[in-house]
Protein backbone atom coordinates (compact mmCIF):
# COMPACT_ATOMS: atom_id res chain seq x y z
CA MET A 1 -22.75 26.84 34.36
CA LYS A 2 -22.75 27.41 30.58
CA LYS A 3 -19.06 28.18 30.73
CA SER A 4 -18.24 24.87 32.47
CA LEU A 5 -20.37 22.93 29.95
CA ALA A 6 -18.52 24.60 27.12
CA VAL A 7 -15.18 23.73 28.71
CA LEU A 8 -16.27 20.09 29.18
CA ALA A 9 -17.50 19.87 25.61
CA LEU A 10 -14.25 21.34 24.32
CA ALA A 11 -12.21 18.95 26.47
CA GLY A 12 -14.23 15.99 25.17
CA PHE A 13 -13.73 17.12 21.58
CA ALA A 14 -9.99 17.53 22.14
CA ALA A 15 -9.70 14.07 23.71
CA THR A 16 -11.56 12.52 20.79
CA ALA A 17 -9.36 14.34 18.28
CA ILE A 18 -6.19 13.20 20.04
CA THR A 19 -7.39 9.59 20.23
CA THR A 20 -8.48 9.57 16.59
CA GLY A 21 -5.20 11.15 15.50
CA ALA A 22 -3.20 8.58 17.44
CA ALA A 23 -5.15 5.73 15.86
CA ALA A 24 -4.67 7.19 12.39
CA ALA A 25 -0.98 7.64 13.04
CA ALA A 26 -0.58 3.99 14.12
CA GLU A 27 1.68 2.31 11.62
CA VAL A 28 0.33 -0.60 9.61
CA VAL A 29 2.60 -3.65 9.83
CA GLY A 30 2.85 -5.91 6.80
CA ASN A 31 2.19 -9.62 7.14
CA PRO A 32 3.81 -11.58 4.30
CA LYS A 33 1.75 -14.66 5.19
CA ALA A 34 -1.44 -12.71 4.39
CA ALA A 35 -0.17 -11.69 0.95
CA PRO A 36 -0.62 -14.81 -1.21
CA ALA A 37 -4.34 -14.13 -1.56
CA LYS A 38 -3.53 -10.54 -2.57
CA ILE A 39 -0.77 -10.99 -5.14
CA GLU A 40 -2.67 -12.70 -7.95
CA MET A 41 -2.96 -9.38 -9.76
CA CYS A 42 0.80 -8.76 -9.36
CA ILE A 43 2.24 -12.01 -10.67
CA GLY A 44 0.62 -11.69 -14.11
CA CYS A 45 3.10 -8.95 -15.00
CA HIS A 46 5.74 -8.68 -12.28
CA GLY A 47 6.39 -12.42 -12.15
CA ILE A 48 7.35 -12.81 -15.82
CA PRO A 49 11.03 -12.20 -16.60
CA HIS A 50 11.56 -9.59 -19.35
CA TYR A 51 7.80 -8.95 -19.66
CA LYS A 52 6.73 -5.85 -21.52
CA THR A 53 3.27 -4.37 -21.37
CA GLY A 54 1.72 -2.73 -24.41
CA PHE A 55 -0.70 -0.45 -22.57
CA PRO A 56 -0.64 2.51 -22.68
CA GLU A 57 2.77 2.18 -24.34
CA VAL A 58 5.46 -0.49 -24.48
CA TYR A 59 6.91 -0.59 -20.99
CA GLN A 60 9.42 -2.97 -19.43
CA VAL A 61 7.69 -4.32 -16.31
CA PRO A 62 10.10 -4.50 -13.36
CA MET A 63 10.59 -7.63 -11.33
CA ILE A 64 9.61 -6.62 -7.79
CA GLY A 65 10.86 -9.66 -5.88
CA GLY A 66 13.56 -8.51 -3.49
CA GLN A 67 12.62 -4.81 -3.60
CA SER A 68 12.47 -3.15 -0.20
CA ALA A 69 9.05 -3.13 1.46
CA LYS A 70 9.34 0.62 2.01
CA TYR A 71 9.88 1.22 -1.72
CA ILE A 72 6.97 -1.01 -2.77
CA GLU A 73 4.64 0.64 -0.23
CA SER A 74 5.71 4.08 -1.39
CA ALA A 75 5.20 3.20 -5.05
CA LEU A 76 1.76 1.65 -4.51
CA LYS A 77 0.60 4.62 -2.44
CA ALA A 78 1.86 6.99 -5.13
CA TYR A 79 -0.13 5.07 -7.76
CA ARG A 80 -3.19 5.14 -5.50
CA LYS A 81 -2.90 8.92 -5.09
CA GLY A 82 -2.34 9.41 -8.82
CA GLU A 83 1.23 10.66 -8.33
CA ARG A 84 2.42 7.82 -10.57
CA LYS A 85 0.50 7.49 -13.80
CA HIS A 86 0.46 3.92 -15.20
CA PRO A 87 -3.30 3.25 -15.72
CA SER A 88 -3.22 -0.45 -14.78
CA MET A 89 -1.21 0.20 -11.63
CA VAL A 90 -3.42 3.13 -10.63
CA GLY A 91 -6.51 0.92 -10.89
CA ILE A 92 -4.90 -1.90 -8.93
CA ALA A 93 -3.48 0.38 -6.23
CA LYS A 94 -6.84 2.10 -5.73
CA SER A 95 -8.34 -1.30 -4.89
CA LEU A 96 -5.80 -1.90 -2.08
CA SER A 97 -6.14 -0.87 1.55
CA ASP A 98 -3.12 0.29 3.55
CA GLN A 99 -3.00 -3.20 5.11
CA ASP A 100 -3.08 -4.87 1.69
CA ILE A 101 -0.22 -2.66 0.51
CA ALA A 102 1.83 -3.43 3.62
CA ASP A 103 1.20 -7.18 3.25
CA VAL A 104 2.15 -7.25 -0.44
CA ALA A 105 5.24 -5.14 0.21
CA ALA A 106 6.34 -7.40 3.07
CA TYR A 107 5.84 -10.48 0.89
CA TYR A 108 7.84 -9.19 -2.08
CA ALA A 109 10.61 -7.85 0.16
CA LEU A 110 11.25 -11.44 1.26
CA GLN A 111 11.48 -12.66 -2.33
CA THR A 112 14.42 -12.65 -4.69
CA PRO A 113 14.19 -12.65 -8.48
CA ALA A 114 15.10 -16.36 -8.36
CA ASN A 115 12.26 -17.37 -5.99
CA ALA A 116 9.62 -14.73 -6.78
CA LYS A 117 6.16 -16.16 -7.46
CA ARG A 118 5.71 -16.84 -11.17
């Protein structure tokens, strides 16, 4: 009897682990229509042609309109993990969920430097 309870408990644990893993592995899909409320912090630097930031050093801020969504997602996640080091971007990226990142990336991927939000 104890053996069958142990087997049931183990099977239940395995099923939960598989279900949780599948949910975690589900890919987040970006919604560019959800992004306008999330990009206010981006346009102050990335929406100004030839803008240079002076913190922590003089740095030419790239225009991100038209960049691929995959690249923007990758960059934001790297800032969030601390793999990229710009202090302002690290702070901003840490405030974003995976869905926020996907939405912002999808939005900017649809832009071009000529029509990017300024």
